[in-house]
Amino acid sequence: MAIRVGIIGYGNLARGIESEINKCPDMKLAGIFTRRDPASLKIKAEGVPVYSVSELKDRTLEFDVMINCGGSATDLPVTTPEYAALYNVIDSFDTHAKIPEHFKAVDEASRAANKVSIISAGWDPGMFSLQRLYSNSILPSGKDYTFWGKGVSQGHSDAIRRIPGVKNGKQYTIPVESALEAVRSGSNPELSTRQKHTRECFVVAEEGADKALIEKTIKEMPNYFADYDTTVHFISEEEFNANHSGLNHGGFVFRSGVTGENDCHKHIIEYSLKLDSNPEFTASVILAYARAAYRLFEKGDYGCKTVFDIAPALLSPLSGDELRARML
């Protein structure tokens, strides 16, 4: 029987789930929940029901895994623990500094309900996190470097759009090229947060909005912009739609390490992603972890997990025999 997947919310990430679940032979989209009027929501998936979030408590027997597609800034810290008391739930919470407290809240709710949750599933946190763990374990003597971009950060863009007076907004994360090349050279530079990236924001302001206050709020926002050189451009809605409709992203994770007597041999591990569609790739990661969550639930391994806790074989629809024959 196919794993019955539900989606909460219907933004870019949810539409990515809606698209990519068709590539998962062991899953089916069983429903979408929205805060809007369900009758007004136009979805692409045929035959999939749309419900109000007010019905979540009444439909727990109809879904095996629920994917919470809210934003990390204000939504997921509140709603993922709430939904974890009802469902096996996955989210893509990406505020790195607050992951420990988010994990604790979701873990408590999941364990009390005998459910499984996986938080911060995506590519960073997520795939990049795994590469950091693997490379640190392999090269214990070394340094880590992570670069994001050039591309659109969904979480940072969402944070901009929640500022009063902002009609629309998008943020691009841009690696500093000289810093990137210094890491690749093996020179192990000491780089501050500000030296590694710049952030560029394009904002459509509401009519009459205080643009100076919006810019100040963006540049001083903790965990998002305060530690970076940030440029804010105010543009028209027409220019925004014409030039900033894409959702590309990517980045690099490095471990620059040494081995041998007197650390005589240098090694660089580099993992990179180049993504045409951030939400579709993130959706693909989440769906793999939704599969893992369902398998853990079947085994009674309750509580909150991160990508660190999931065995790779649980992500694949292939059997152990197939994986060993094809990929090992």
Protein backbone atom coordinates (compact mmCIF):
# COMPACT_ATOMS: atom_id res chain seq x y z
CA MET A 1 0.00 0.00 0.00
CA ALA A 2 1.32 3.43 -0.90
CA ILE A 3 2.41 5.80 1.86
CA ARG A 4 -0.36 8.38 2.21
CA VAL A 5 1.24 11.84 2.29
CA GLY A 6 -0.43 15.07 3.29
CA ILE A 7 0.73 18.65 2.71
CA ILE A 8 0.07 21.56 5.06
CA GLY A 9 0.29 24.89 3.24
CA TYR A 10 0.43 25.58 -0.48
CA GLY A 11 3.41 27.77 -1.31
CA ASN A 12 6.50 27.05 -3.40
CA LEU A 13 7.66 24.09 -1.32
CA ALA A 14 4.22 22.50 -1.27
CA ARG A 15 3.95 22.81 -5.04
CA GLY A 16 7.34 21.12 -5.26
CA ILE A 17 6.02 18.22 -3.15
CA GLU A 18 2.92 18.06 -5.34
CA SER A 19 5.10 17.78 -8.44
CA GLU A 20 7.81 15.42 -7.23
CA ILE A 21 5.69 12.90 -5.33
CA ASN A 22 4.67 11.51 -8.72
CA LYS A 23 8.25 10.22 -9.08
CA CYS A 24 7.94 8.16 -5.87
CA PRO A 25 6.30 4.83 -6.73
CA ASP A 26 5.57 3.98 -3.09
CA MET A 27 3.78 7.24 -2.21
CA LYS A 28 0.60 9.08 -3.03
CA LEU A 29 -0.64 12.58 -2.26
CA ALA A 30 -3.71 12.05 -0.09
CA GLY A 31 -4.67 15.64 0.66
CA ILE A 32 -3.67 19.27 1.06
CA PHE A 33 -4.52 21.45 4.07
CA THR A 34 -4.72 25.23 3.81
CA ARG A 35 -5.48 28.24 5.99
CA ARG A 36 -7.30 29.75 3.01
CA ASP A 37 -10.80 28.87 1.88
CA PRO A 38 -10.28 25.33 0.47
CA ALA A 39 -12.72 26.06 -2.36
CA SER A 40 -10.53 28.94 -3.54
CA LEU A 41 -7.32 26.90 -3.77
CA LYS A 42 -6.42 25.84 -7.30
CA ILE A 43 -4.05 22.88 -7.21
CA LYS A 44 -2.46 20.92 -10.05
CA ALA A 45 -2.92 17.40 -8.69
CA GLU A 46 -6.10 15.84 -10.02
CA GLY A 47 -8.46 14.14 -7.64
CA VAL A 48 -6.63 15.28 -4.49
CA PRO A 49 -8.91 16.77 -1.82
CA VAL A 50 -8.21 20.15 -0.22
CA TYR A 51 -9.12 20.68 3.42
CA SER A 52 -9.09 23.49 5.93
CA VAL A 53 -6.37 23.27 8.59
CA SER A 54 -9.23 23.26 11.07
CA GLU A 55 -9.89 19.67 9.95
CA LEU A 56 -6.43 18.36 10.86
CA LYS A 57 -7.58 16.90 14.17
CA ASP A 58 -10.40 15.03 12.44
CA ARG A 59 -8.42 13.27 9.68
CA THR A 60 -5.53 11.61 11.50
CA LEU A 61 -6.47 8.14 10.22
CA GLU A 62 -6.31 9.23 6.57
CA PHE A 63 -2.57 10.07 6.40
CA ASP A 64 0.66 8.24 7.14
CA VAL A 65 3.01 11.24 6.98
CA MET A 66 2.29 14.97 7.01
CA ILE A 67 4.67 17.49 5.44
CA ASN A 68 4.56 20.91 7.08
CA CYS A 69 5.42 23.48 4.41
CA GLY A 70 5.32 26.60 6.56
CA GLY A 71 8.07 29.18 6.92
CA SER A 72 10.87 28.89 9.46
CA ALA A 73 10.72 32.48 10.72
CA THR A 74 7.42 32.35 12.63
CA ASP A 75 5.35 29.37 11.48
CA LEU A 76 7.25 26.09 11.93
CA PRO A 77 8.38 26.72 15.54
CA VAL A 78 4.70 26.88 16.51
CA THR A 79 2.97 24.50 14.12
CA THR A 80 5.38 21.55 13.83
CA PRO A 81 5.10 20.68 17.56
CA GLU A 82 1.33 21.11 17.25
CA TYR A 83 1.08 18.79 14.25
CA ALA A 84 3.57 16.31 15.76
CA ALA A 85 0.99 15.57 18.42
CA LEU A 86 -1.34 14.34 15.66
CA TYR A 87 0.77 12.94 12.81
CA ASN A 88 4.14 11.66 11.72
CA VAL A 89 5.43 15.00 10.44
CA ILE A 90 8.35 16.38 8.40
CA ASP A 91 9.50 19.98 8.15
CA SER A 92 12.37 21.94 6.58
CA PHE A 93 13.10 24.27 9.51
CA ASP A 94 16.24 26.14 8.46
CA THR A 95 17.10 28.61 11.23
CA HIS A 96 20.34 26.86 12.20
CA ALA A 97 20.81 28.65 15.52
CA LYS A 98 17.38 27.56 16.76
CA ILE A 99 17.42 23.91 15.68
CA PRO A 100 18.20 22.55 19.19
CA GLU A 101 15.19 24.23 20.79
CA HIS A 102 12.95 23.32 17.85
CA PHE A 103 14.08 19.70 18.11
CA LYS A 104 13.27 19.60 21.83
CA ALA A 105 9.73 20.94 21.35
CA VAL A 106 8.95 18.57 18.48
CA ASP A 107 10.51 15.58 20.23
CA GLU A 108 8.37 16.07 23.31
CA ALA A 109 5.19 16.24 21.23
CA SER A 110 6.11 13.25 19.06
CA ARG A 111 7.05 10.97 21.94
CA ALA A 112 3.90 11.83 23.88
CA ALA A 113 1.81 10.88 20.83
CA ASN A 114 3.88 7.82 19.76
CA LYS A 115 4.68 9.49 16.44
CA VAL A 116 7.82 10.12 14.39
CA SER A 117 8.98 13.56 13.30
CA ILE A 118 11.94 14.64 11.20
CA ILE A 119 12.92 18.30 11.29
CA SER A 120 15.25 20.39 9.13
CA ALA A 121 15.10 18.08 6.12
CA GLY A 122 16.36 19.81 2.99
CA TRP A 123 19.75 20.62 1.58
CA ASP A 124 21.01 23.01 4.27
CA PRO A 125 20.21 22.00 6.88
CA GLY A 126 19.99 18.48 5.51
CA MET A 127 22.31 17.24 2.77
CA PHE A 128 25.00 19.80 3.65
CA SER A 129 24.71 18.80 7.31
CA LEU A 130 25.44 15.18 6.41
CA GLN A 131 28.48 16.17 4.40
CA ARG A 132 29.81 18.16 7.35
CA LEU A 133 29.33 15.17 9.64
CA TYR A 134 30.92 12.67 7.22
CA SER A 135 33.91 14.85 6.39
CA ASN A 136 34.57 15.77 10.04
CA SER A 137 34.52 12.10 10.95
CA ILE A 138 36.90 11.20 8.10
CA LEU A 139 39.27 14.14 8.56
CA PRO A 140 39.25 14.94 12.28
CA SER A 141 42.14 17.38 11.83
CA GLY A 142 40.87 20.16 9.59
CA LYS A 143 38.47 23.04 9.04
CA ASP A 144 34.92 23.34 7.72
CA TYR A 145 33.65 25.87 5.21
CA THR A 146 30.13 26.27 3.86
CA PHE A 147 29.13 28.62 1.06
CA TRP A 148 25.60 29.19 -0.23
CA GLY A 149 24.59 30.54 -3.61
CA LYS A 150 24.46 32.33 -5.79
CA GLY A 151 20.77 31.77 -5.41
CA VAL A 152 17.43 32.48 -3.79
CA SER A 153 17.01 31.62 -0.14
CA GLN A 154 13.38 30.69 0.47
CA GLY A 155 13.66 31.15 4.23
CA HIS A 156 15.30 34.56 4.00
CA SER A 157 12.84 35.67 1.32
CA ASP A 158 9.96 34.55 3.52
CA ALA A 159 11.41 36.55 6.42
CA ILE A 160 11.49 39.67 4.23
CA ARG A 161 7.90 39.21 3.09
CA ARG A 162 6.71 39.07 6.70
CA ILE A 163 7.97 42.57 7.43
CA PRO A 164 5.10 45.10 7.63
CA GLY A 165 4.93 47.19 4.48
CA VAL A 166 6.51 44.58 2.21
CA LYS A 167 4.30 43.44 -0.66
CA ASN A 168 6.84 41.02 -2.14
CA GLY A 169 10.49 40.28 -1.69
CA LYS A 170 13.33 37.99 -2.68
CA GLN A 171 16.83 37.53 -1.29
CA TYR A 172 19.92 36.26 -3.09
CA THR A 173 22.84 34.78 -1.19
CA ILE A 174 26.14 35.39 -3.00
CA PRO A 175 29.48 33.74 -2.09
CA VAL A 176 32.50 36.03 -2.02
CA GLU A 177 34.61 34.61 -4.85
CA SER A 178 37.98 35.41 -3.28
CA ALA A 179 36.98 33.53 -0.12
CA LEU A 180 35.83 30.53 -2.16
CA GLU A 181 39.12 30.33 -4.04
CA ALA A 182 41.15 30.70 -0.85
CA VAL A 183 39.41 27.63 0.60
CA ARG A 184 39.94 25.60 -2.58
CA SER A 185 43.65 26.42 -2.45
CA GLY A 186 44.00 24.61 0.87
CA SER A 187 45.32 27.68 2.66
CA ASN A 188 42.70 27.28 5.43
CA PRO A 189 41.82 30.97 5.73
CA GLU A 190 40.11 32.39 8.80
CA LEU A 191 36.85 33.79 7.43
CA SER A 192 34.16 35.66 9.31
CA THR A 193 30.51 35.27 8.37
CA ARG A 194 30.65 38.66 6.67
CA GLN A 195 33.74 37.72 4.63
CA LYS A 196 32.14 34.61 3.12
CA HIS A 197 28.84 35.93 1.72
CA THR A 198 26.91 39.00 0.76
CA ARG A 199 23.11 39.22 0.67
CA GLU A 200 21.13 41.10 -1.94
CA CYS A 201 17.44 41.84 -1.43
CA PHE A 202 14.83 42.98 -3.95
CA VAL A 203 11.72 44.40 -2.32
CA VAL A 204 8.35 45.58 -3.59
CA ALA A 205 6.98 47.92 -0.94
CA GLU A 206 3.33 48.59 -0.22
CA GLU A 207 2.14 52.01 -1.30
CA GLY A 208 3.02 54.53 1.38
CA ALA A 209 5.27 52.13 3.30
CA ASP A 210 8.29 53.45 5.20
CA LYS A 211 11.11 52.16 2.97
CA ALA A 212 13.84 53.37 5.32
CA LEU A 213 12.28 51.37 8.18
CA ILE A 214 11.91 48.28 5.97
CA GLU A 215 15.57 48.48 4.96
CA LYS A 216 16.66 48.96 8.58
CA THR A 217 14.52 46.00 9.71
CA ILE A 218 16.03 43.75 7.05
CA LYS A 219 19.64 44.72 7.73
CA GLU A 220 19.28 44.33 11.50
CA MET A 221 17.30 41.05 11.48
CA PRO A 222 19.10 38.55 13.75
CA ASN A 223 19.92 35.07 12.37
CA TYR A 224 19.12 36.27 8.86
CA PHE A 225 20.86 39.51 7.80
CA ALA A 226 22.57 41.20 10.76
CA ASP A 227 25.89 39.39 10.27
CA TYR A 228 26.20 40.07 6.53
CA ASP A 229 26.85 42.97 4.18
CA THR A 230 23.31 43.34 2.87
CA THR A 231 22.06 45.47 -0.01
CA VAL A 232 18.36 46.29 -0.32
CA HIS A 233 16.86 47.36 -3.65
CA PHE A 234 13.30 48.71 -3.85
CA ILE A 235 11.78 47.90 -7.23
CA SER A 236 8.39 47.93 -8.93
CA GLU A 237 6.12 44.91 -8.99
CA GLU A 238 6.54 44.73 -12.78
CA GLU A 239 10.33 44.57 -12.52
CA PHE A 240 10.07 41.99 -9.76
CA ASN A 241 7.84 39.72 -11.83
CA ALA A 242 10.00 40.13 -14.93
CA ASN A 243 13.44 39.59 -13.38
CA HIS A 244 13.04 37.75 -10.09
CA SER A 245 10.60 34.89 -10.68
CA GLY A 246 13.19 32.07 -10.58
CA LEU A 247 14.07 29.92 -7.55
CA ASN A 248 17.57 28.74 -8.34
CA HIS A 249 20.10 28.06 -5.59
CA GLY A 250 23.05 25.89 -4.61
CA GLY A 251 26.27 25.99 -2.69
CA PHE A 252 29.41 24.26 -1.48
CA VAL A 253 30.57 22.37 1.61
CA PHE A 254 34.31 21.95 2.15
CA ARG A 255 36.45 20.09 4.65
CA SER A 256 40.10 21.04 4.37
CA GLY A 257 42.10 18.53 6.40
CA VAL A 258 45.48 16.94 6.94
CA THR A 259 46.83 13.46 7.59
CA GLY A 260 50.23 11.85 8.08
CA GLU A 261 53.24 12.49 10.28
CA ASN A 262 53.59 16.21 10.99
CA ASP A 263 50.35 16.74 9.00
CA CYS A 264 52.32 16.47 5.78
CA HIS A 265 49.43 15.56 3.45
CA LYS A 266 46.56 17.91 2.65
CA HIS A 267 43.08 16.80 1.59
CA ILE A 268 40.04 18.77 0.47
CA ILE A 269 36.54 17.29 0.43
CA GLU A 270 34.16 19.37 -1.68
CA TYR A 271 30.44 18.74 -2.07
CA SER A 272 28.43 21.06 -4.28
CA LEU A 273 24.85 21.54 -5.45
CA LYS A 274 23.62 23.52 -8.44
CA LEU A 275 19.85 23.73 -8.32
CA ASP A 276 17.54 25.10 -11.00
CA SER A 277 14.63 24.85 -8.55
CA ASN A 278 15.29 25.17 -4.84
CA PRO A 279 11.75 24.15 -3.80
CA GLU A 280 11.60 21.11 -6.10
CA PHE A 281 14.98 19.82 -4.89
CA THR A 282 14.06 20.49 -1.25
CA ALA A 283 10.77 18.68 -1.85
CA SER A 284 12.66 15.70 -3.23
CA VAL A 285 14.80 15.52 -0.09
CA ILE A 286 11.75 15.81 2.14
CA LEU A 287 9.94 13.01 0.34
CA ALA A 288 12.88 10.66 0.88
CA TYR A 289 12.79 11.47 4.60
CA ALA A 290 9.01 11.07 4.67
CA ARG A 291 9.60 7.49 3.53
CA ALA A 292 12.10 7.03 6.35
CA ALA A 293 9.69 8.50 8.91
CA TYR A 294 6.98 6.05 7.92
CA ARG A 295 9.38 3.10 8.19
CA LEU A 296 10.54 4.22 11.64
CA PHE A 297 6.91 4.61 12.73
CA GLU A 298 6.18 1.05 11.63
CA LYS A 299 9.06 -0.14 13.82
CA GLY A 300 7.87 1.92 16.80
CA ASP A 301 10.97 4.14 16.83
CA TYR A 302 9.12 7.25 18.00
CA GLY A 303 10.31 10.79 18.64
CA CYS A 304 11.96 13.55 16.67
CA LYS A 305 14.88 12.82 14.34
CA THR A 306 17.25 14.78 12.15
CA VAL A 307 19.12 13.66 9.05
CA PHE A 308 21.92 12.50 11.37
CA ASP A 309 19.66 9.84 12.87
CA ILE A 310 18.39 8.25 9.65
CA ALA A 311 20.17 5.27 8.09
CA PRO A 312 20.67 5.90 4.35
CA ALA A 313 18.87 2.70 3.36
CA LEU A 314 15.65 4.04 4.91
CA LEU A 315 15.55 6.82 2.32
CA SER A 316 15.41 4.55 -0.72
CA PRO A 317 12.42 2.65 -2.12
CA LEU A 318 14.87 -0.14 -3.06
CA SER A 319 15.38 -3.18 -0.86
CA GLY A 320 18.63 -3.92 0.91
CA ASP A 321 19.49 -6.57 -1.66
CA GLU A 322 18.87 -4.12 -4.51
CA LEU A 323 20.95 -1.40 -2.89
CA ARG A 324 23.89 -3.72 -2.31
CA ALA A 325 23.78 -4.97 -5.89
CA ARG A 326 23.32 -1.58 -7.58
CA MET A 327 25.04 1.05 -5.46
CA LEU A 328 27.53 -0.41 -3.01
